[in-house]
Amino acid sequence: MKLTTRGHYSVKALLDLSLQPGYGPTSVKMIAQRQDLPAPYLEKLLIEMRRANLVNSVRGSQGGYKLAREPAKISLGQILEAVGETIEPLHHHQADATQAEDWVTLTLWHRLHEKLKDALYSITLADLYYDARSWQAAQGEQTSFVI
């Protein structure tokens, strides 16, 4: 698996939304400033995540983007999938059935892929939320642990 900026920025943006009081809408500009991300690129990613029903857009002066459902129901796998990240191992490689080593190593990569996929779909934004809040508390920042 190779994680690109698409996946990294998308996870950061949704984690930012999960940290907002009441999960209210937040502008792209504010997310971009807080996370040090390029706003035009972030906007494109948020549009892709809106199409995947991970976020909703809210119009108006107090509008922006907000999570489409609670953080415990959004997994890392869903976020990465929404922005086109792939975790497929050697997707263009076919094992040479005449070589045991080729077959065994390809089988190994597929087994590892399944474990990684299970992990990505079991870790949720709520898990990251609590990690972020714990880090903030360790840094002495004022925080609320209500989700």
N, C-alpha and C. Protein backbone atom coordinates (compact mmCIF):
# COMPACT_ATOMS: atom_id res chain seq x y z
N MET A 1 0.85 -1.18 0.00
CA MET A 1 0.00 0.00 0.00
C MET A 1 0.89 1.24 0.00
N LYS A 2 0.52 2.17 -0.84
CA LYS A 2 1.22 3.44 -0.89
C LYS A 2 0.19 4.53 -0.61
N LEU A 3 0.38 5.23 0.49
CA LEU A 3 -0.53 6.30 0.85
C LEU A 3 -0.03 7.60 0.24
N THR A 4 -0.89 8.23 -0.55
CA THR A 4 -0.52 9.50 -1.19
C THR A 4 -1.07 10.66 -0.37
N THR A 5 -0.77 11.87 -0.84
CA THR A 5 -1.31 13.05 -0.15
C THR A 5 -2.83 13.05 -0.18
N ARG A 6 -3.44 12.46 -1.20
CA ARG A 6 -4.91 12.40 -1.26
C ARG A 6 -5.46 11.74 0.00
N GLY A 7 -4.92 10.59 0.33
CA GLY A 7 -5.40 9.87 1.50
C GLY A 7 -5.03 10.58 2.79
N HIS A 8 -3.80 11.04 2.88
CA HIS A 8 -3.33 11.72 4.08
C HIS A 8 -4.16 12.97 4.36
N TYR A 9 -4.33 13.81 3.36
CA TYR A 9 -5.10 15.05 3.54
C TYR A 9 -6.57 14.76 3.85
N SER A 10 -7.12 13.72 3.24
CA SER A 10 -8.53 13.39 3.46
C SER A 10 -8.77 12.95 4.91
N VAL A 11 -7.88 12.13 5.43
CA VAL A 11 -8.01 11.69 6.83
C VAL A 11 -7.85 12.89 7.76
N LYS A 12 -6.87 13.75 7.49
CA LYS A 12 -6.68 14.94 8.33
C LYS A 12 -7.92 15.84 8.31
N ALA A 13 -8.51 16.02 7.14
CA ALA A 13 -9.68 16.89 7.02
C ALA A 13 -10.87 16.33 7.79
N LEU A 14 -11.12 15.03 7.67
CA LEU A 14 -12.27 14.46 8.38
C LEU A 14 -12.02 14.40 9.88
N LEU A 15 -10.78 14.18 10.28
CA LEU A 15 -10.47 14.23 11.70
C LEU A 15 -10.71 15.65 12.22
N ASP A 16 -10.32 16.65 11.45
CA ASP A 16 -10.57 18.04 11.82
C ASP A 16 -12.07 18.27 12.01
N LEU A 17 -12.89 17.76 11.09
CA LEU A 17 -14.34 17.92 11.22
C LEU A 17 -14.87 17.22 12.47
N SER A 18 -14.29 16.07 12.80
CA SER A 18 -14.77 15.34 13.98
C SER A 18 -14.42 16.06 15.28
N LEU A 19 -13.41 16.92 15.23
CA LEU A 19 -12.98 17.65 16.43
C LEU A 19 -13.76 18.95 16.64
N GLN A 20 -14.64 19.30 15.69
CA GLN A 20 -15.40 20.55 15.82
C GLN A 20 -16.56 20.37 16.78
N PRO A 21 -16.83 21.36 17.62
CA PRO A 21 -17.94 21.27 18.57
C PRO A 21 -19.26 21.01 17.86
N GLY A 22 -19.94 19.98 18.28
CA GLY A 22 -21.24 19.66 17.70
C GLY A 22 -21.18 19.18 16.27
N TYR A 23 -20.00 18.92 15.78
CA TYR A 23 -19.79 18.49 14.39
C TYR A 23 -20.43 19.47 13.40
N GLY A 24 -20.46 20.74 13.77
CA GLY A 24 -21.05 21.75 12.91
C GLY A 24 -20.25 21.96 11.64
N PRO A 25 -20.86 22.62 10.66
CA PRO A 25 -20.17 22.84 9.38
C PRO A 25 -18.95 23.75 9.56
N THR A 26 -17.93 23.45 8.80
CA THR A 26 -16.68 24.20 8.83
C THR A 26 -16.27 24.51 7.40
N SER A 27 -15.80 25.71 7.16
CA SER A 27 -15.40 26.09 5.81
C SER A 27 -14.11 25.40 5.39
N VAL A 28 -13.96 25.24 4.11
CA VAL A 28 -12.74 24.66 3.55
C VAL A 28 -11.54 25.50 3.97
N LYS A 29 -11.72 26.81 3.94
CA LYS A 29 -10.63 27.72 4.30
C LYS A 29 -10.15 27.47 5.73
N MET A 30 -11.08 27.28 6.67
CA MET A 30 -10.71 27.06 8.07
C MET A 30 -10.01 25.71 8.25
N ILE A 31 -10.52 24.68 7.59
CA ILE A 31 -9.87 23.36 7.69
C ILE A 31 -8.47 23.46 7.11
N ALA A 32 -8.36 24.10 5.96
CA ALA A 32 -7.05 24.24 5.29
C ALA A 32 -6.06 24.99 6.17
N GLN A 33 -6.52 26.05 6.83
CA GLN A 33 -5.63 26.81 7.71
C GLN A 33 -5.18 25.99 8.91
N ARG A 34 -6.14 25.33 9.56
CA ARG A 34 -5.79 24.55 10.76
C ARG A 34 -4.87 23.37 10.43
N GLN A 35 -5.07 22.77 9.28
CA GLN A 35 -4.31 21.57 8.92
C GLN A 35 -3.14 21.85 7.98
N ASP A 36 -2.95 23.12 7.62
CA ASP A 36 -1.87 23.51 6.72
C ASP A 36 -1.95 22.74 5.40
N LEU A 37 -3.12 22.80 4.78
CA LEU A 37 -3.38 22.11 3.51
C LEU A 37 -3.76 23.14 2.45
N PRO A 38 -3.48 22.86 1.18
CA PRO A 38 -3.91 23.78 0.12
C PRO A 38 -5.43 23.71 -0.07
N ALA A 39 -6.10 24.83 0.11
CA ALA A 39 -7.57 24.88 0.06
C ALA A 39 -8.17 24.36 -1.25
N PRO A 40 -7.64 24.73 -2.43
CA PRO A 40 -8.26 24.23 -3.67
C PRO A 40 -8.20 22.70 -3.78
N TYR A 41 -7.09 22.12 -3.37
CA TYR A 41 -6.93 20.66 -3.40
C TYR A 41 -7.87 20.01 -2.38
N LEU A 42 -7.96 20.61 -1.21
CA LEU A 42 -8.84 20.10 -0.17
C LEU A 42 -10.29 20.13 -0.63
N GLU A 43 -10.67 21.19 -1.31
CA GLU A 43 -12.05 21.31 -1.81
C GLU A 43 -12.38 20.14 -2.74
N LYS A 44 -11.46 19.78 -3.62
CA LYS A 44 -11.68 18.65 -4.54
C LYS A 44 -11.85 17.35 -3.76
N LEU A 45 -11.04 17.16 -2.74
CA LEU A 45 -11.14 15.94 -1.93
C LEU A 45 -12.47 15.89 -1.18
N LEU A 46 -12.90 17.01 -0.64
CA LEU A 46 -14.16 17.05 0.08
C LEU A 46 -15.35 16.79 -0.85
N ILE A 47 -15.24 17.23 -2.08
CA ILE A 47 -16.30 16.94 -3.06
C ILE A 47 -16.38 15.44 -3.30
N GLU A 48 -15.22 14.79 -3.44
CA GLU A 48 -15.20 13.33 -3.62
C GLU A 48 -15.78 12.62 -2.40
N MET A 49 -15.46 13.13 -1.22
CA MET A 49 -15.99 12.50 -0.01
C MET A 49 -17.48 12.78 0.17
N ARG A 50 -17.95 13.91 -0.37
CA ARG A 50 -19.39 14.18 -0.34
C ARG A 50 -20.12 13.19 -1.24
N ARG A 51 -19.54 12.91 -2.40
CA ARG A 51 -20.14 11.92 -3.32
C ARG A 51 -20.20 10.53 -2.69
N ALA A 52 -19.26 10.25 -1.80
CA ALA A 52 -19.22 8.95 -1.11
C ALA A 52 -20.04 8.97 0.19
N ASN A 53 -20.77 10.06 0.42
CA ASN A 53 -21.63 10.21 1.60
C ASN A 53 -20.87 10.17 2.92
N LEU A 54 -19.66 10.69 2.92
CA LEU A 54 -18.90 10.79 4.16
C LEU A 54 -19.07 12.16 4.79
N VAL A 55 -19.29 13.18 3.95
CA VAL A 55 -19.53 14.54 4.44
C VAL A 55 -20.74 15.11 3.71
N ASN A 56 -21.32 16.12 4.33
CA ASN A 56 -22.40 16.89 3.70
C ASN A 56 -21.92 18.32 3.55
N SER A 57 -22.39 18.97 2.51
CA SER A 57 -22.08 20.39 2.35
C SER A 57 -23.28 21.21 2.80
N VAL A 58 -22.98 22.33 3.43
CA VAL A 58 -24.02 23.22 3.94
C VAL A 58 -23.78 24.58 3.30
N ARG A 59 -24.80 25.11 2.67
CA ARG A 59 -24.70 26.41 2.01
C ARG A 59 -24.90 27.55 3.00
N GLY A 60 -24.46 28.72 2.60
CA GLY A 60 -24.71 29.91 3.40
C GLY A 60 -23.46 30.43 4.09
N SER A 61 -23.65 31.58 4.74
CA SER A 61 -22.51 32.25 5.38
C SER A 61 -21.92 31.42 6.52
N GLN A 62 -22.71 30.60 7.16
CA GLN A 62 -22.23 29.73 8.23
C GLN A 62 -22.06 28.30 7.74
N GLY A 63 -21.98 28.15 6.42
CA GLY A 63 -21.89 26.83 5.81
C GLY A 63 -20.49 26.26 5.76
N GLY A 64 -20.37 25.21 5.02
CA GLY A 64 -19.11 24.52 4.86
C GLY A 64 -19.37 23.04 4.74
N TYR A 65 -18.51 22.25 5.33
CA TYR A 65 -18.66 20.80 5.30
C TYR A 65 -18.78 20.28 6.73
N LYS A 66 -19.55 19.21 6.87
CA LYS A 66 -19.67 18.52 8.15
C LYS A 66 -19.77 17.03 7.88
N LEU A 67 -19.50 16.25 8.90
CA LEU A 67 -19.57 14.80 8.76
C LEU A 67 -21.00 14.38 8.44
N ALA A 68 -21.15 13.40 7.56
CA ALA A 68 -22.47 12.93 7.18
C ALA A 68 -23.04 11.96 8.22
N ARG A 69 -22.17 11.39 9.03
CA ARG A 69 -22.61 10.49 10.11
C ARG A 69 -21.61 10.57 11.25
N GLU A 70 -21.92 9.96 12.34
CA GLU A 70 -21.03 10.06 13.51
C GLU A 70 -19.68 9.40 13.21
N PRO A 71 -18.62 9.89 13.87
CA PRO A 71 -17.27 9.42 13.60
C PRO A 71 -17.08 7.91 13.77
N ALA A 72 -17.83 7.29 14.66
CA ALA A 72 -17.70 5.85 14.88
C ALA A 72 -18.19 5.03 13.68
N LYS A 73 -18.88 5.70 12.76
CA LYS A 73 -19.42 4.99 11.59
C LYS A 73 -18.68 5.34 10.31
N ILE A 74 -17.53 5.98 10.44
CA ILE A 74 -16.69 6.30 9.27
C ILE A 74 -15.33 5.68 9.50
N SER A 75 -14.95 4.74 8.63
CA SER A 75 -13.66 4.05 8.79
C SER A 75 -12.59 4.66 7.90
N LEU A 76 -11.35 4.40 8.27
CA LEU A 76 -10.24 4.85 7.43
C LEU A 76 -10.35 4.25 6.03
N GLY A 77 -10.75 2.99 5.96
CA GLY A 77 -10.91 2.35 4.65
C GLY A 77 -11.91 3.07 3.77
N GLN A 78 -13.02 3.51 4.36
CA GLN A 78 -14.03 4.25 3.59
C GLN A 78 -13.48 5.58 3.09
N ILE A 79 -12.72 6.25 3.93
CA ILE A 79 -12.14 7.54 3.53
C ILE A 79 -11.17 7.34 2.37
N LEU A 80 -10.27 6.39 2.52
CA LEU A 80 -9.27 6.15 1.47
C LEU A 80 -9.93 5.71 0.17
N GLU A 81 -10.93 4.87 0.27
CA GLU A 81 -11.65 4.41 -0.91
C GLU A 81 -12.35 5.57 -1.61
N ALA A 82 -12.93 6.49 -0.84
CA ALA A 82 -13.67 7.62 -1.40
C ALA A 82 -12.80 8.51 -2.27
N VAL A 83 -11.53 8.63 -1.93
CA VAL A 83 -10.65 9.52 -2.70
C VAL A 83 -9.75 8.75 -3.68
N GLY A 84 -10.08 7.49 -3.90
CA GLY A 84 -9.40 6.72 -4.93
C GLY A 84 -8.08 6.09 -4.54
N GLU A 85 -7.80 6.01 -3.23
CA GLU A 85 -6.58 5.33 -2.80
C GLU A 85 -6.78 3.83 -2.97
N THR A 86 -5.73 3.16 -3.35
CA THR A 86 -5.81 1.72 -3.51
C THR A 86 -4.87 1.03 -2.54
N ILE A 87 -5.33 -0.09 -2.02
CA ILE A 87 -4.48 -0.87 -1.13
C ILE A 87 -4.22 -2.25 -1.74
N GLU A 88 -4.57 -2.38 -2.99
CA GLU A 88 -4.41 -3.67 -3.67
C GLU A 88 -2.94 -4.00 -3.87
N PRO A 89 -2.52 -5.23 -3.51
CA PRO A 89 -1.12 -5.62 -3.68
C PRO A 89 -0.86 -6.17 -5.08
N LEU A 90 0.15 -5.71 -5.71
CA LEU A 90 0.59 -6.27 -6.99
C LEU A 90 -0.59 -6.59 -7.91
N HIS A 91 -1.47 -5.64 -8.11
CA HIS A 91 -2.70 -5.91 -8.83
C HIS A 91 -2.51 -6.29 -10.30
N HIS A 92 -1.35 -6.08 -10.87
CA HIS A 92 -1.11 -6.47 -12.26
C HIS A 92 -0.24 -7.71 -12.37
N HIS A 93 0.11 -8.32 -11.24
CA HIS A 93 1.01 -9.46 -11.25
C HIS A 93 0.24 -10.76 -11.12
N GLN A 94 0.56 -11.71 -11.96
CA GLN A 94 -0.01 -13.06 -11.88
C GLN A 94 1.09 -14.02 -11.45
N ALA A 95 0.78 -14.91 -10.52
CA ALA A 95 1.77 -15.86 -10.04
C ALA A 95 2.11 -16.87 -11.13
N ASP A 96 3.38 -17.22 -11.20
CA ASP A 96 3.84 -18.26 -12.11
C ASP A 96 3.63 -19.59 -11.40
N ALA A 97 2.66 -20.37 -11.85
CA ALA A 97 2.30 -21.62 -11.19
C ALA A 97 3.42 -22.65 -11.20
N THR A 98 4.41 -22.45 -12.04
CA THR A 98 5.52 -23.41 -12.10
C THR A 98 6.61 -23.08 -11.09
N GLN A 99 6.52 -21.94 -10.43
CA GLN A 99 7.53 -21.55 -9.44
C GLN A 99 6.90 -21.44 -8.06
N ALA A 100 7.32 -22.33 -7.17
CA ALA A 100 6.77 -22.32 -5.81
C ALA A 100 7.01 -20.99 -5.13
N GLU A 101 8.20 -20.42 -5.31
CA GLU A 101 8.53 -19.16 -4.66
C GLU A 101 7.59 -18.03 -5.09
N ASP A 102 7.28 -17.99 -6.37
CA ASP A 102 6.39 -16.96 -6.89
C ASP A 102 4.99 -17.13 -6.29
N TRP A 103 4.51 -18.35 -6.27
CA TRP A 103 3.18 -18.61 -5.75
C TRP A 103 3.13 -18.30 -4.25
N VAL A 104 4.14 -18.73 -3.49
CA VAL A 104 4.17 -18.52 -2.05
C VAL A 104 4.24 -17.03 -1.71
N THR A 105 5.10 -16.30 -2.38
CA THR A 105 5.22 -14.87 -2.05
C THR A 105 3.97 -14.11 -2.45
N LEU A 106 3.37 -14.45 -3.58
CA LEU A 106 2.13 -13.78 -3.98
C LEU A 106 1.02 -14.08 -2.98
N THR A 107 0.96 -15.32 -2.51
CA THR A 107 -0.02 -15.69 -1.49
C THR A 107 0.22 -14.90 -0.21
N LEU A 108 1.48 -14.74 0.16
CA LEU A 108 1.82 -13.94 1.34
C LEU A 108 1.32 -12.51 1.20
N TRP A 109 1.56 -11.88 0.05
CA TRP A 109 1.12 -10.49 -0.15
C TRP A 109 -0.40 -10.39 -0.07
N HIS A 110 -1.09 -11.39 -0.58
CA HIS A 110 -2.55 -11.36 -0.51
C HIS A 110 -3.05 -11.52 0.93
N ARG A 111 -2.40 -12.37 1.71
CA ARG A 111 -2.77 -12.54 3.11
C ARG A 111 -2.51 -11.25 3.89
N LEU A 112 -1.35 -10.63 3.65
CA LEU A 112 -1.04 -9.35 4.31
C LEU A 112 -2.04 -8.27 3.89
N HIS A 113 -2.42 -8.28 2.62
CA HIS A 113 -3.40 -7.31 2.12
C HIS A 113 -4.72 -7.45 2.87
N GLU A 114 -5.18 -8.66 3.09
CA GLU A 114 -6.43 -8.88 3.80
C GLU A 114 -6.35 -8.36 5.24
N LYS A 115 -5.22 -8.57 5.90
CA LYS A 115 -5.03 -8.07 7.27
C LYS A 115 -5.04 -6.54 7.28
N LEU A 116 -4.36 -5.93 6.32
CA LEU A 116 -4.32 -4.47 6.24
C LEU A 116 -5.72 -3.91 5.97
N LYS A 117 -6.42 -4.54 5.04
CA LYS A 117 -7.77 -4.10 4.70
C LYS A 117 -8.69 -4.20 5.93
N ASP A 118 -8.60 -5.32 6.66
CA ASP A 118 -9.40 -5.47 7.88
C ASP A 118 -9.08 -4.36 8.87
N ALA A 119 -7.80 -4.04 9.03
CA ALA A 119 -7.40 -2.98 9.96
C ALA A 119 -7.95 -1.63 9.52
N LEU A 120 -7.82 -1.30 8.25
CA LEU A 120 -8.27 0.01 7.75
C LEU A 120 -9.78 0.19 7.90
N TYR A 121 -10.53 -0.90 7.76
CA TYR A 121 -11.98 -0.80 7.89
C TYR A 121 -12.46 -0.95 9.32
N SER A 122 -11.55 -1.29 10.25
CA SER A 122 -11.95 -1.40 11.65
C SER A 122 -11.57 -0.15 12.45
N ILE A 123 -10.65 0.65 11.94
CA ILE A 123 -10.26 1.89 12.62
C ILE A 123 -11.19 3.00 12.14
N THR A 124 -11.82 3.68 13.10
CA THR A 124 -12.79 4.72 12.75
C THR A 124 -12.28 6.11 13.12
N LEU A 125 -13.01 7.10 12.63
CA LEU A 125 -12.69 8.49 13.02
C LEU A 125 -12.84 8.67 14.53
N ALA A 126 -13.74 7.93 15.14
CA ALA A 126 -13.89 8.03 16.60
C ALA A 126 -12.61 7.59 17.29
N ASP A 127 -11.97 6.54 16.78
CA ASP A 127 -10.70 6.09 17.35
C ASP A 127 -9.65 7.20 17.23
N LEU A 128 -9.59 7.82 16.07
CA LEU A 128 -8.62 8.91 15.86
C LEU A 128 -8.97 10.13 16.71
N TYR A 129 -10.26 10.38 16.86
CA TYR A 129 -10.73 11.49 17.70
C TYR A 129 -10.18 11.33 19.12
N TYR A 130 -10.34 10.13 19.69
CA TYR A 130 -9.86 9.91 21.05
C TYR A 130 -8.34 9.99 21.13
N ASP A 131 -7.67 9.51 20.10
CA ASP A 131 -6.20 9.64 20.07
C ASP A 131 -5.80 11.12 20.06
N ALA A 132 -6.50 11.91 19.23
CA ALA A 132 -6.18 13.34 19.14
C ALA A 132 -6.47 14.05 20.45
N ARG A 133 -7.60 13.75 21.07
CA ARG A 133 -7.96 14.39 22.34
C ARG A 133 -6.97 13.99 23.44
N SER A 134 -6.54 12.73 23.44
CA SER A 134 -5.55 12.28 24.43
C SER A 134 -4.24 13.03 24.24
N TRP A 135 -3.84 13.20 22.99
CA TRP A 135 -2.61 13.94 22.70
C TRP A 135 -2.74 15.38 23.17
N GLN A 136 -3.90 16.00 22.88
CA GLN A 136 -4.11 17.38 23.29
C GLN A 136 -4.05 17.50 24.81
N ALA A 137 -4.66 16.55 25.51
CA ALA A 137 -4.64 16.57 26.98
C ALA A 137 -3.22 16.40 27.50
N ALA A 138 -2.43 15.55 26.85
CA ALA A 138 -1.05 15.34 27.26
C ALA A 138 -0.23 16.61 27.05
N GLN A 139 -0.64 17.42 26.08
CA GLN A 139 0.06 18.68 25.80
C GLN A 139 -0.44 19.80 26.71
N GLY A 140 -1.45 19.51 27.54
CA GLY A 140 -1.98 20.51 28.46
C GLY A 140 -3.05 21.38 27.85
N GLU A 141 -3.58 20.99 26.69
CA GLU A 141 -4.62 21.79 26.05
C GLU A 141 -5.98 21.48 26.68
N GLN A 142 -6.82 22.50 26.75
CA GLN A 142 -8.19 22.34 27.24
C GLN A 142 -8.96 21.53 26.21
N THR A 143 -9.68 20.52 26.67
CA THR A 143 -10.40 19.67 25.72
C THR A 143 -11.62 19.05 26.38
N SER A 144 -12.57 18.66 25.57
CA SER A 144 -13.76 17.96 26.01
C SER A 144 -13.76 16.59 25.36
N PHE A 145 -14.03 15.56 26.13
CA PHE A 145 -13.99 14.21 25.59
C PHE A 145 -15.36 13.72 25.16
N VAL A 146 -16.32 14.58 24.97
CA VAL A 146 -17.64 14.17 24.55
C VAL A 146 -17.65 13.97 23.04
N ILE A 147 -18.15 12.84 22.59
CA ILE A 147 -18.24 12.57 21.15
C ILE A 147 -19.67 12.36 20.74
